[in-house]
Amino acid sequence: MKLSSYWWDIEENLHTTPADHLPHAADLVVVGAGFTGLSAGLTAARQGRSVVILDAGHPGFGASTRNGGICSGHIRISHAVLTERYGQDYADRVYGEGIDARADLVKFCTEEGIECQITKAGHFNGAMSQKDYDKMGRQCDALNAIPGHDVELIPRERVHDEIVTDRFYGGLLRREIGGFHPGKFFAGLLRVVQDSGALIVPKTVVEAIEDDHGQTSPQAKLVRTSRGSIQARQVIVASNGYTGQRRSFGRFLRQRIVPVQSCIIVTEHLGRDRVKALMPGLRMYGNTAQLSSYFRPVPDEDRILLGSRSFDSLEPSGRSVSFLKNKLVDMLPGLSDVKIDYCWLGNVAFNQRQLPSMFQHNGVFYSAGYAGSGTVWARWLGKKTAELAMGMSNQTSVFYDAPPPRIPLYDGNPWFMPVINGWFAVQDKVNEWGFRLK
């Protein structure tokens, strides 16, 4: 079993050549070279701006190439709850922007010639209880009222048309959602950004971002790094769940963003016929468990991928592999004898609002907190943040708002997550016992 991302085993180039030196100044400096940072840099570079994109490690080797490749643009808060909190107009705009973001991702891949096996296969979310299924009925009606959505409530007797399991009480099918190969998408995005003239600088740690009083622009910053300093007219921080805990520059973000570790497994080669027999729709999948799982056929449709929460910090343990394998077998018992070929960890990031967040603080722009749906939101909000920062925005995102509230007694170390995960596990076990008794 490889303890590395399945998405890294490709022929395309996932690396960039280190720059010989840092430039003295740039119109835009971006901190973080994942989907968000590269998208922001590309947007500015194509408007003739000088761009430097910094990354403390290898670009893209955080969440951008460690995710499950499901392009959902998912919103964790239901339309009904958003309506109750902020009004129906806001809820409609949030879910409507997901349609725009997904369409823009497909358009981008097509126009730039990025061959990443992107598809609109649809997404089926399985209800783990009758109560969850009833909520789905209300969500279905609300989403279909928003242009661009194609949502259907699937009753229990038709679940086997989507996935051959008896574990679900029914489910919600969203045909407008799809998936892609994150590694191939990142390789294509990296190529496009390099061709734009933006300078990508790996292995460069940002230590501080300070006001540069020697410049005429009030927004000008001095970005201090492990390789020297850069004067920047504008700065975008796009480090999200990989901001770290040690340096002063990231403190404002990390006190508001919680990195939550996700673990993913990929089965041995099963062959397309076996995968299709288990997943007739060959869709993207999820469920409504508190410790929810996301799963799918890999793009070649010959293996199955599943992700959920992790018990580890640096490398996957046998406990995590067993936990995820058990989740897979719980839904698809016929896979009990299947070997796991890949397992890896990655961070997703949340804020207290549980909505993607785009904001300013002290003249620095931020985009973060995609709540596990960054394959769509990261690229889209990176673009939107750059448009806003560089004065190119005709219509900003619905997610542009005040900074998320600070989390009390927190400075980047999510010490409380084991307690939360334990409580979620108890709730799931209670639901499971109810299912078994029935």
Protein backbone atom coordinates (compact mmCIF):
# COMPACT_ATOMS: atom_id res chain seq x y z
CA MET A 1 0.00 0.00 0.00
CA LYS A 2 1.36 3.39 -0.99
CA LEU A 3 1.14 6.12 1.66
CA SER A 4 0.87 8.79 -1.02
CA SER A 5 -1.83 10.36 -3.14
CA TYR A 6 -3.22 8.29 -5.99
CA TRP A 7 -3.37 11.52 -8.00
CA TRP A 8 0.41 11.89 -8.01
CA ASP A 9 0.96 8.78 -10.17
CA ILE A 10 0.64 10.55 -13.51
CA GLU A 11 2.91 11.37 -16.42
CA GLU A 12 2.14 15.10 -16.31
CA ASN A 13 4.55 17.43 -14.54
CA LEU A 14 3.46 18.41 -11.03
CA HIS A 15 6.58 20.41 -10.19
CA THR A 16 7.88 23.86 -11.04
CA THR A 17 11.51 24.89 -11.50
CA PRO A 18 12.74 26.93 -8.51
CA ALA A 19 13.49 30.58 -9.31
CA ASP A 20 17.13 31.69 -9.04
CA HIS A 21 16.16 34.73 -6.99
CA LEU A 22 13.20 36.73 -5.78
CA PRO A 23 12.29 39.91 -7.63
CA HIS A 24 12.56 43.15 -5.69
CA ALA A 25 8.90 44.07 -6.23
CA ALA A 26 5.64 42.86 -7.80
CA ASP A 27 2.13 44.16 -8.39
CA LEU A 28 0.73 41.10 -6.62
CA VAL A 29 2.29 38.64 -4.20
CA VAL A 30 0.27 35.50 -3.47
CA VAL A 31 1.02 33.29 -0.45
CA GLY A 32 0.11 29.70 -1.28
CA ALA A 33 0.42 27.94 -4.65
CA GLY A 34 -2.58 25.63 -4.62
CA PHE A 35 -5.78 26.00 -6.64
CA THR A 36 -6.62 29.33 -4.95
CA GLY A 37 -3.20 30.93 -5.25
CA LEU A 38 -2.53 29.85 -8.83
CA SER A 39 -5.98 30.98 -9.94
CA ALA A 40 -5.47 34.37 -8.29
CA GLY A 41 -2.03 34.75 -9.86
CA LEU A 42 -3.26 33.75 -13.31
CA THR A 43 -6.12 36.25 -13.17
CA ALA A 44 -3.77 39.14 -12.36
CA ALA A 45 -1.00 38.07 -14.75
CA ARG A 46 -3.40 37.99 -17.69
CA GLN A 47 -4.23 41.61 -16.98
CA GLY A 48 -0.58 42.53 -17.44
CA ARG A 49 0.29 42.66 -13.72
CA SER A 50 3.58 41.34 -12.35
CA VAL A 51 2.86 38.36 -10.09
CA VAL A 52 4.91 36.32 -7.63
CA ILE A 53 3.34 33.21 -6.07
CA LEU A 54 5.12 31.82 -3.01
CA ASP A 55 4.78 28.39 -1.42
CA ALA A 56 6.48 27.03 1.68
CA GLY A 57 6.66 23.57 0.10
CA HIS A 58 5.92 22.10 -3.32
CA PRO A 59 3.06 23.92 -5.11
CA GLY A 60 -0.17 21.94 -5.13
CA PHE A 61 0.99 19.26 -2.71
CA GLY A 62 -1.49 20.28 -0.04
CA ALA A 63 -5.25 19.93 -0.45
CA SER A 64 -5.12 20.62 -4.21
CA THR A 65 -3.77 17.15 -5.02
CA ARG A 66 -4.91 15.32 -1.89
CA ASN A 67 -8.70 15.66 -2.30
CA GLY A 68 -11.24 13.20 -3.65
CA GLY A 69 -11.75 14.96 -6.99
CA ILE A 70 -15.49 15.54 -6.51
CA CYS A 71 -16.41 18.89 -8.08
CA SER A 72 -19.49 19.64 -6.02
CA GLY A 73 -19.19 23.24 -4.88
CA HIS A 74 -21.05 21.81 -1.90
CA ILE A 75 -22.52 24.08 0.76
CA ARG A 76 -22.57 22.39 4.17
CA ILE A 77 -25.48 24.51 5.41
CA SER A 78 -28.78 23.56 3.85
CA HIS A 79 -30.81 26.04 1.83
CA ALA A 80 -33.47 25.98 4.56
CA VAL A 81 -31.03 26.87 7.35
CA LEU A 82 -29.40 29.60 5.24
CA THR A 83 -32.85 31.03 4.55
CA GLU A 84 -33.69 31.00 8.24
CA ARG A 85 -30.44 32.76 9.17
CA TYR A 86 -29.96 35.23 6.33
CA GLY A 87 -33.09 35.23 4.16
CA GLN A 88 -34.08 33.41 0.99
CA ASP A 89 -32.39 35.87 -1.37
CA TYR A 90 -29.02 35.21 0.26
CA ALA A 91 -29.58 31.45 0.25
CA ASP A 92 -30.52 31.52 -3.44
CA ARG A 93 -27.41 33.57 -4.27
CA VAL A 94 -25.14 31.16 -2.38
CA TYR A 95 -26.48 28.09 -4.16
CA GLY A 96 -26.70 29.96 -7.46
CA GLU A 97 -23.02 30.88 -7.28
CA GLY A 98 -22.24 27.18 -7.04
CA ILE A 99 -23.80 26.74 -10.48
CA ASP A 100 -21.68 29.59 -11.86
CA ALA A 101 -18.49 28.25 -10.27
CA ARG A 102 -18.95 24.71 -11.61
CA ALA A 103 -19.75 25.97 -15.11
CA ASP A 104 -16.72 28.25 -15.03
CA LEU A 105 -14.47 25.34 -14.05
CA VAL A 106 -15.62 23.29 -17.05
CA LYS A 107 -15.24 26.31 -19.33
CA PHE A 108 -11.73 26.96 -18.02
CA CYS A 109 -10.61 23.38 -18.62
CA THR A 110 -12.05 23.43 -22.14
CA GLU A 111 -10.56 26.77 -23.16
CA GLU A 112 -7.12 26.03 -21.67
CA GLY A 113 -6.91 22.49 -23.03
CA ILE A 114 -6.56 20.92 -19.58
CA GLU A 115 -7.21 17.20 -19.97
CA CYS A 116 -8.23 16.21 -16.45
CA GLN A 117 -11.08 13.75 -17.15
CA ILE A 118 -13.64 16.25 -15.96
CA THR A 119 -17.19 14.95 -16.15
CA LYS A 120 -20.69 15.88 -15.05
CA ALA A 121 -21.53 12.41 -13.79
CA GLY A 122 -23.93 13.59 -11.10
CA HIS A 123 -23.75 13.22 -7.33
CA PHE A 124 -25.85 10.86 -5.20
CA ASN A 125 -26.07 11.57 -1.47
CA GLY A 126 -27.37 8.62 0.54
CA ALA A 127 -29.69 9.22 3.51
CA MET A 128 -28.54 7.37 6.64
CA SER A 129 -31.94 7.72 8.35
CA GLN A 130 -35.57 8.37 7.50
CA LYS A 131 -35.23 11.80 9.09
CA ASP A 132 -32.34 12.64 6.73
CA TYR A 133 -34.40 11.49 3.76
CA ASP A 134 -37.33 13.70 4.75
CA LYS A 135 -34.98 16.71 4.96
CA MET A 136 -33.74 15.89 1.47
CA GLY A 137 -37.26 16.25 0.09
CA ARG A 138 -37.43 19.85 1.30
CA GLN A 139 -33.92 20.57 -0.01
CA CYS A 140 -34.83 19.13 -3.42
CA ASP A 141 -37.75 21.52 -3.92
CA ALA A 142 -35.72 24.55 -2.82
CA LEU A 143 -32.78 23.81 -5.14
CA ASN A 144 -34.89 23.06 -8.21
CA ALA A 145 -36.39 26.53 -7.84
CA ILE A 146 -32.91 28.02 -8.47
CA PRO A 147 -31.89 28.09 -12.17
CA GLY A 148 -29.21 25.59 -13.12
CA HIS A 149 -30.05 22.89 -10.61
CA ASP A 150 -31.23 19.44 -11.67
CA VAL A 151 -32.13 17.63 -8.46
CA GLU A 152 -34.21 14.49 -7.89
CA LEU A 153 -35.26 12.72 -4.72
CA ILE A 154 -34.52 8.99 -5.09
CA PRO A 155 -36.73 6.70 -2.94
CA ARG A 156 -35.33 3.65 -1.19
CA GLU A 157 -36.64 1.22 -3.78
CA ARG A 158 -34.60 2.96 -6.52
CA VAL A 159 -31.31 3.31 -4.65
CA HIS A 160 -29.87 0.25 -6.43
CA ASP A 161 -30.09 2.16 -9.71
CA GLU A 162 -27.39 4.42 -8.28
CA ILE A 163 -25.39 2.22 -5.91
CA VAL A 164 -25.97 -1.40 -4.92
CA THR A 165 -26.38 -1.04 -1.16
CA ASP A 166 -29.17 -1.55 1.36
CA ARG A 167 -27.65 0.96 3.77
CA PHE A 168 -29.54 4.05 2.56
CA TYR A 169 -33.13 5.11 3.17
CA GLY A 170 -33.10 6.89 -0.19
CA GLY A 171 -31.05 9.78 -1.44
CA LEU A 172 -30.69 13.02 -3.31
CA LEU A 173 -29.39 12.99 -6.89
CA ARG A 174 -27.85 16.22 -8.19
CA ARG A 175 -27.13 15.84 -11.89
CA GLU A 176 -25.31 19.19 -12.21
CA ILE A 177 -22.33 17.94 -10.14
CA GLY A 178 -19.34 15.97 -11.41
CA GLY A 179 -15.71 15.18 -10.80
CA PHE A 180 -12.20 15.30 -12.24
CA HIS A 181 -8.62 14.07 -11.75
CA PRO A 182 -7.09 16.62 -9.32
CA GLY A 183 -3.51 15.78 -10.23
CA LYS A 184 -4.07 16.26 -13.94
CA PHE A 185 -6.05 19.43 -13.30
CA PHE A 186 -3.27 20.87 -11.15
CA ALA A 187 -0.63 19.96 -13.73
CA GLY A 188 -2.65 21.78 -16.40
CA LEU A 189 -3.28 24.79 -14.18
CA LEU A 190 0.42 24.97 -13.31
CA ARG A 191 1.34 24.97 -17.00
CA VAL A 192 -1.15 27.72 -17.80
CA VAL A 193 0.05 29.90 -14.91
CA GLN A 194 3.70 29.51 -15.89
CA ASP A 195 2.84 30.42 -19.48
CA SER A 196 1.11 33.58 -18.22
CA GLY A 197 4.39 35.00 -16.94
CA ALA A 198 3.59 34.67 -13.24
CA LEU A 199 6.61 33.60 -11.19
CA ILE A 200 5.99 30.58 -8.94
CA VAL A 201 8.53 30.23 -6.14
CA PRO A 202 8.49 26.96 -4.12
CA LYS A 203 10.28 26.21 -0.86
CA THR A 204 9.98 29.82 0.29
CA VAL A 205 8.49 30.47 3.71
CA VAL A 206 6.66 33.74 4.33
CA GLU A 207 7.68 35.03 7.75
CA ALA A 208 5.84 38.37 7.95
CA ILE A 209 3.70 40.77 5.94
CA GLU A 210 4.23 44.39 6.96
CA ASP A 211 3.06 47.80 5.84
CA ASP A 212 5.55 49.33 3.40
CA HIS A 213 5.48 53.00 4.29
CA GLY A 214 8.03 53.84 1.62
CA GLN A 215 5.49 53.24 -1.16
CA THR A 216 2.87 55.65 -2.51
CA SER A 217 0.02 53.14 -2.32
CA PRO A 218 -1.59 52.85 1.13
CA GLN A 219 -2.13 49.13 0.43
CA ALA A 220 1.57 48.46 -0.29
CA LYS A 221 3.17 45.68 1.75
CA LEU A 222 6.61 44.30 2.40
CA VAL A 223 6.55 40.51 2.30
CA ARG A 224 9.44 39.06 4.30
CA THR A 225 10.42 35.51 3.37
CA SER A 226 13.13 32.95 4.08
CA ARG A 227 14.77 34.05 0.81
CA GLY A 228 14.50 37.82 1.17
CA SER A 229 11.84 40.50 0.95
CA ILE A 230 9.45 41.61 -1.83
CA GLN A 231 7.58 44.89 -2.14
CA ALA A 232 3.98 44.23 -3.15
CA ARG A 233 1.23 46.57 -4.24
CA GLN A 234 -1.29 43.93 -3.15
CA VAL A 235 -1.08 40.66 -1.21
CA ILE A 236 -3.42 37.66 -1.26
CA VAL A 237 -3.09 34.95 1.38
CA ALA A 238 -4.25 31.61 -0.04
CA SER A 239 -2.75 29.14 2.42
CA ASN A 240 -6.11 27.89 3.79
CA GLY A 241 -5.71 24.67 5.85
CA TYR A 242 -1.92 24.72 5.44
CA THR A 243 -1.20 28.07 7.09
CA GLY A 244 0.79 26.49 9.92
CA GLN A 245 1.10 27.58 13.54
CA ARG A 246 4.55 29.09 13.96
CA ARG A 247 4.80 32.42 12.14
CA SER A 248 3.24 35.77 12.87
CA PHE A 249 1.90 36.51 9.38
CA GLY A 250 -0.68 33.69 9.45
CA ARG A 251 -2.04 34.31 12.93
CA PHE A 252 -5.08 36.33 11.86
CA LEU A 253 -6.17 33.57 9.46
CA ARG A 254 -5.37 30.57 11.61
CA GLN A 255 -7.37 31.95 14.55
CA ARG A 256 -10.43 31.80 12.26
CA ILE A 257 -9.81 28.71 10.13
CA VAL A 258 -9.74 25.17 11.51
CA PRO A 259 -7.76 22.57 9.52
CA VAL A 260 -9.54 19.22 9.72
CA GLN A 261 -7.72 16.15 8.56
CA SER A 262 -9.29 13.90 5.97
CA CYS A 263 -8.01 10.45 5.04
CA ILE A 264 -8.55 8.77 1.67
CA ILE A 265 -8.18 5.18 0.50
CA VAL A 266 -8.20 3.77 -3.04
CA THR A 267 -8.84 0.09 -3.65
CA GLU A 268 -6.78 -2.28 -5.71
CA HIS A 269 -7.64 -2.56 -9.40
CA LEU A 270 -11.19 -3.95 -9.63
CA GLY A 271 -11.91 -3.55 -13.32
CA ARG A 272 -14.64 -1.37 -14.81
CA ASP A 273 -17.23 -4.15 -14.93
CA ARG A 274 -17.01 -4.81 -11.19
CA VAL A 275 -17.08 -1.11 -10.32
CA LYS A 276 -20.07 -0.50 -12.57
CA ALA A 277 -21.90 -3.48 -11.08
CA LEU A 278 -21.57 -1.84 -7.65
CA MET A 279 -22.07 1.76 -8.80
CA PRO A 280 -24.35 1.56 -11.87
CA GLY A 281 -24.52 5.33 -12.24
CA LEU A 282 -20.71 5.73 -12.00
CA ARG A 283 -21.43 8.94 -10.10
CA MET A 284 -19.87 10.87 -7.24
CA TYR A 285 -21.30 9.74 -3.89
CA GLY A 286 -21.71 10.85 -0.29
CA ASN A 287 -23.85 10.17 2.76
CA THR A 288 -25.47 12.06 5.61
CA ALA A 289 -23.51 10.50 8.49
CA GLN A 290 -22.07 12.95 11.01
CA LEU A 291 -18.65 11.51 10.15
CA SER A 292 -19.64 11.56 6.52
CA SER A 293 -17.90 9.73 3.71
CA TYR A 294 -17.33 10.76 0.11
CA PHE A 295 -16.69 8.08 -2.47
CA ARG A 296 -16.52 7.57 -6.19
CA PRO A 297 -15.05 5.52 -9.01
CA VAL A 298 -11.65 6.91 -9.93
CA PRO A 299 -11.68 8.64 -13.36
CA ASP A 300 -10.61 5.44 -15.13
CA GLU A 301 -13.59 3.72 -13.42
CA ASP A 302 -11.55 0.67 -12.40
CA ARG A 303 -11.05 1.39 -8.68
CA ILE A 304 -13.11 2.92 -5.88
CA LEU A 305 -11.98 5.86 -3.74
CA LEU A 306 -13.39 6.69 -0.31
CA GLY A 307 -12.54 9.47 2.12
CA SER A 308 -13.58 10.41 5.63
CA ARG A 309 -12.07 11.75 8.88
CA SER A 310 -8.68 10.62 10.15
CA PHE A 311 -7.18 9.60 13.50
CA ASP A 312 -3.62 10.57 12.54
CA SER A 313 -1.38 13.60 12.27
CA LEU A 314 1.51 12.89 9.90
CA GLU A 315 0.99 9.54 8.14
CA PRO A 316 -2.01 7.22 7.86
CA SER A 317 -2.12 4.53 10.54
CA GLY A 318 -3.60 1.05 10.38
CA ARG A 319 -6.47 2.37 12.51
CA SER A 320 -7.43 4.93 9.87
CA VAL A 321 -7.15 2.42 7.03
CA SER A 322 -9.38 -0.02 8.92
CA PHE A 323 -11.87 2.72 9.77
CA LEU A 324 -12.23 3.75 6.11
CA LYS A 325 -12.24 0.17 4.83
CA ASN A 326 -15.05 -0.65 7.28
CA LYS A 327 -17.04 2.33 6.01
CA LEU A 328 -16.62 1.08 2.45
CA VAL A 329 -17.63 -2.49 3.35
CA ASP A 330 -20.59 -1.25 5.41
CA MET A 331 -22.04 0.15 2.19
CA LEU A 332 -20.65 -2.42 -0.22
CA PRO A 333 -20.22 -5.73 1.66
CA GLY A 334 -18.92 -7.48 -1.46
CA LEU A 335 -15.65 -5.54 -1.09
CA SER A 336 -14.64 -7.15 2.21
CA ASP A 337 -11.81 -9.10 0.54
CA VAL A 338 -10.50 -6.15 -1.50
CA LYS A 339 -7.02 -4.80 -0.82
CA ILE A 340 -6.24 -1.10 -0.38
CA ASP A 341 -3.52 0.16 -2.73
CA TYR A 342 -3.32 3.83 -1.64
CA CYS A 343 -3.92 5.77 1.56
CA TRP A 344 -3.05 9.39 2.33
CA LEU A 345 -3.97 12.38 4.49
CA GLY A 346 -4.91 15.96 3.66
CA ASN A 347 -6.38 19.02 5.35
CA VAL A 348 -9.75 20.58 4.67
CA ALA A 349 -10.57 23.87 6.40
CA PHE A 350 -13.63 25.27 8.16
CA ASN A 351 -14.67 28.53 9.77
CA GLN A 352 -17.50 29.14 12.23
CA ARG A 353 -19.89 30.12 9.44
CA GLN A 354 -19.17 26.85 7.57
CA LEU A 355 -19.26 28.85 4.32
CA PRO A 356 -16.42 29.67 1.92
CA SER A 357 -14.88 32.95 2.98
CA MET A 358 -13.33 35.85 1.06
CA PHE A 359 -12.34 38.97 3.01
CA GLN A 360 -9.84 41.74 3.73
CA HIS A 361 -7.89 42.58 6.85
CA ASN A 362 -5.27 45.29 7.27
CA GLY A 363 -4.96 45.69 3.50
CA VAL A 364 -4.39 41.96 2.85
CA PHE A 365 -6.91 39.85 0.92
CA TYR A 366 -7.82 36.32 2.00
CA SER A 367 -9.69 33.38 0.52
CA ALA A 368 -10.17 30.29 2.70
CA GLY A 369 -12.50 27.92 4.51
CA TYR A 370 -14.01 25.85 1.70
CA ALA A 371 -15.37 23.21 4.12
CA GLY A 372 -14.21 20.25 2.05
CA SER A 373 -15.40 21.53 -1.34
CA GLY A 374 -12.31 23.34 -2.57
CA THR A 375 -12.08 21.65 -5.97
CA VAL A 376 -14.67 24.17 -7.15
CA TRP A 377 -14.52 27.01 -4.61
CA ALA A 378 -10.73 27.38 -4.41
CA ARG A 379 -10.21 28.14 -8.09
CA TRP A 380 -13.36 30.28 -8.34
CA LEU A 381 -12.67 32.38 -5.24
CA GLY A 382 -8.98 32.71 -6.10
CA LYS A 383 -10.10 34.32 -9.34
CA LYS A 384 -12.69 36.49 -7.58
CA THR A 385 -10.22 37.60 -4.91
CA ALA A 386 -7.65 38.67 -7.51
CA GLU A 387 -10.29 40.60 -9.46
CA LEU A 388 -11.23 42.46 -6.30
CA ALA A 389 -7.68 43.07 -5.12
CA MET A 390 -6.51 44.38 -8.50
CA GLY A 391 -9.62 46.52 -9.12
CA MET A 392 -10.90 44.34 -11.96
CA SER A 393 -14.15 43.15 -10.40
CA ASN A 394 -17.50 43.83 -12.05
CA GLN A 395 -19.42 41.58 -9.67
CA THR A 396 -17.85 40.21 -6.53
CA SER A 397 -18.71 36.93 -4.86
CA VAL A 398 -21.60 36.48 -2.45
CA PHE A 399 -18.96 35.15 -0.04
CA TYR A 400 -17.08 38.45 0.16
CA ASP A 401 -17.81 39.63 3.67
CA ALA A 402 -16.28 40.62 6.98
CA PRO A 403 -13.62 38.22 8.30
CA PRO A 404 -14.99 35.10 9.98
CA PRO A 405 -15.21 35.44 13.76
CA ARG A 406 -12.19 34.42 15.80
CA ILE A 407 -12.51 31.05 17.52
CA PRO A 408 -12.01 31.42 21.29
CA LEU A 409 -8.93 29.76 22.87
CA TYR A 410 -7.63 28.76 19.46
CA ASP A 411 -4.45 29.60 17.55
CA GLY A 412 -4.18 27.01 14.80
CA ASN A 413 -4.00 23.79 16.82
CA PRO A 414 -7.44 22.09 16.58
CA TRP A 415 -7.20 20.51 20.04
CA PHE A 416 -10.99 20.17 20.23
CA MET A 417 -11.44 18.02 17.10
CA PRO A 418 -11.04 14.60 18.82
CA VAL A 419 -13.93 15.51 21.13
CA ILE A 420 -16.11 16.65 18.20
CA ASN A 421 -15.24 13.59 16.14
CA GLY A 422 -15.99 11.34 19.11
CA TRP A 423 -19.42 12.90 19.57
CA PHE A 424 -20.15 12.53 15.85
CA ALA A 425 -19.09 8.88 16.01
CA VAL A 426 -21.51 8.24 18.88
CA GLN A 427 -24.39 9.77 16.89
CA ASP A 428 -23.51 7.65 13.86
CA LYS A 429 -23.36 4.51 16.00
CA VAL A 430 -26.84 5.23 17.39
CA ASN A 431 -28.18 5.64 13.85
CA GLU A 432 -26.43 2.44 12.80
CA TRP A 433 -28.00 0.47 15.66
CA GLY A 434 -31.42 1.78 14.62
CA PHE A 435 -30.75 0.65 11.06
CA ARG A 436 -29.57 -2.82 12.14
CA LEU A 437 -32.61 -3.32 14.37
CA LYS A 438 -34.91 -2.56 11.46
